[in-house]
C-alpha atoms as a PDB file:
ATOM      1  CA  MET A   1     -42.632  -3.153  14.897  1.00  0.00           C
ATOM      2  CA  THR A   2     -41.669  -5.141  11.830  1.00  0.00           C
ATOM      3  CA  TYR A   3     -39.305  -8.089  11.951  1.00  0.00           C
ATOM      4  CA  TYR A   4     -37.511  -9.839   9.106  1.00  0.00           C
ATOM      5  CA  LYS A   5     -36.751 -13.502   8.641  1.00  0.00           C
ATOM      6  CA  ILE A   6     -33.095 -14.311   7.888  1.00  0.00           C
ATOM      7  CA  THR A   7     -31.052 -17.454   8.179  1.00  0.00           C
ATOM      8  CA  ARG A   8     -28.434 -18.044  10.837  1.00  0.00           C
ATOM      9  CA  ASN A   9     -25.698 -17.927   8.182  1.00  0.00           C
ATOM     10  CA  GLU A  10     -26.944 -14.564   6.882  1.00  0.00           C
ATOM     11  CA  LEU A  11     -26.965 -13.143  10.400  1.00  0.00           C
ATOM     12  CA  LEU A  12     -23.433 -14.418  11.037  1.00  0.00           C
ATOM     13  CA  THR A  13     -22.295 -12.858   7.754  1.00  0.00           C
ATOM     14  CA  PHE A  14     -23.791  -9.496   8.745  1.00  0.00           C
ATOM     15  CA  LEU A  15     -22.225  -9.635  12.211  1.00  0.00           C
ATOM     16  CA  ARG A  16     -18.788 -10.567  10.811  1.00  0.00           C
ATOM     17  CA  SER A  17     -18.985  -7.774   8.254  1.00  0.00           C
ATOM     18  CA  ASP A  18     -19.965  -5.224  10.886  1.00  0.00           C
ATOM     19  CA  LEU A  19     -17.137  -6.315  13.181  1.00  0.00           C
ATOM     20  CA  ARG A  20     -14.611  -6.308  10.325  1.00  0.00           C
ATOM     21  CA  LEU A  21     -15.651  -2.776   9.292  1.00  0.00           C
ATOM     22  CA  ALA A  22     -15.419  -1.575  12.892  1.00  0.00           C
ATOM     23  CA  ALA A  23     -11.901  -3.012  13.141  1.00  0.00           C
ATOM     24  CA  LEU A  24     -10.818  -1.406   9.866  1.00  0.00           C
ATOM     25  CA  GLU A  25     -12.238   1.992  10.811  1.00  0.00           C
ATOM     26  CA  SER A  26     -10.653   1.713  14.259  1.00  0.00           C
ATOM     27  CA  GLY A  27      -7.345   1.152  12.468  1.00  0.00           C
ATOM     28  CA  GLY A  28      -7.832   4.298  10.395  1.00  0.00           C
ATOM     29  CA  VAL A  29      -8.820   2.861   7.015  1.00  0.00           C
ATOM     30  CA  ASP A  30     -11.599   5.471   6.783  1.00  0.00           C
ATOM     31  CA  ASN A  31      -8.883   8.148   6.575  1.00  0.00           C
ATOM     32  CA  TRP A  32      -7.186   6.637   3.536  1.00  0.00           C
ATOM     33  CA  VAL A  33      -7.262   8.777   0.393  1.00  0.00           C
ATOM     34  CA  TRP A  34      -9.116   6.184  -1.702  1.00  0.00           C
ATOM     35  CA  TYR A  35     -11.695   5.294   0.961  1.00  0.00           C
ATOM     36  CA  GLY A  36     -14.480   7.551  -0.333  1.00  0.00           C
ATOM     37  CA  ASP A  37     -13.671   6.833  -3.970  1.00  0.00           C
ATOM     38  CA  SER A  38     -13.871   3.089  -3.413  1.00  0.00           C
ATOM     39  CA  GLN A  39     -17.301   3.481  -1.802  1.00  0.00           C
ATOM     40  CA  LYS A  40     -18.569   5.549  -4.745  1.00  0.00           C
ATOM     41  CA  GLU A  41     -17.188   2.964  -7.173  1.00  0.00           C
ATOM     42  CA  TYR A  42     -18.913   0.170  -5.258  1.00  0.00           C
ATOM     43  CA  ILE A  43     -22.250   2.033  -5.344  1.00  0.00           C
ATOM     44  CA  ASN A  44     -21.895   2.681  -9.088  1.00  0.00           C
ATOM     45  CA  ASP A  45     -21.072  -0.982  -9.734  1.00  0.00           C
ATOM     46  CA  TYR A  46     -24.007  -2.058  -7.558  1.00  0.00           C
ATOM     47  CA  ASN A  47     -26.363   0.185  -9.501  1.00  0.00           C
ATOM     48  CA  ASN A  48     -25.084  -1.147 -12.830  1.00  0.00           C
ATOM     49  CA  CYS A  49     -25.532  -4.761 -11.740  1.00  0.00           C
ATOM     50  CA  ASN A  50     -28.935  -4.308 -10.101  1.00  0.00           C
ATOM     51  CA  GLY A  51     -30.606  -1.629 -12.202  1.00  0.00           C
ATOM     52  CA  THR A  52     -30.954   0.608  -9.154  1.00  0.00           C
ATOM     53  CA  GLU A  53     -30.270   4.298  -8.604  1.00  0.00           C
ATOM     54  CA  ALA A  54     -28.816   4.145  -5.095  1.00  0.00           C
ATOM     55  CA  GLU A  55     -26.990   7.258  -3.967  1.00  0.00           C
ATOM     56  CA  ASP A  56     -25.484   5.756  -0.821  1.00  0.00           C
ATOM     57  CA  PHE A  57     -25.289   2.618   1.306  1.00  0.00           C
ATOM     58  CA  ASP A  58     -28.550   3.494   3.057  1.00  0.00           C
ATOM     59  CA  ASP A  59     -30.324   3.256  -0.303  1.00  0.00           C
ATOM     60  CA  ILE A  60     -28.648  -0.062  -1.051  1.00  0.00           C
ATOM     61  CA  ALA A  61     -29.586  -1.407   2.377  1.00  0.00           C
ATOM     62  CA  GLU A  62     -33.242  -0.422   1.837  1.00  0.00           C
ATOM     63  CA  TYR A  63     -33.213  -2.163  -1.549  1.00  0.00           C
ATOM     64  CA  GLU A  64     -31.628  -5.306  -0.090  1.00  0.00           C
ATOM     65  CA  LEU A  65     -34.080  -5.273   2.831  1.00  0.00           C
ATOM     66  CA  SER A  66     -36.975  -5.400   0.386  1.00  0.00           C
ATOM     67  CA  MET A  67     -35.827  -8.897  -0.577  1.00  0.00           C
ATOM     68  CA  TYR A  68     -36.364 -10.273   2.927  1.00  0.00           C
ATOM     69  CA  GLU A  69     -39.594 -11.730   4.247  1.00  0.00           C
ATOM     70  CA  GLU A  70     -41.386  -9.510   6.736  1.00  0.00           C
ATOM     71  CA  ILE A  71     -42.741 -11.068   9.909  1.00  0.00           C
ATOM     72  CA  ASN A  72     -45.330  -8.919  11.653  1.00  0.00           C
ATOM     73  CA  GLU A  73     -46.001  -9.690  15.289  1.00  0.00           C
END
């Protein structure tokens, strides 16, 4: 198993973001007309800023993960 080193503040940011997204989706934001379009726009903007060719958030997450230090135990 591979572990990654992150700071406490990064972990808190990830947890807050995950909780906020869960709350928004629970409230139905994922059914809004612009929901999918805004995700595509975000991915396009991300690619333009980072020189990547991500097709979805999984690709972006893999790219971002590559920037973290691996800790093998």
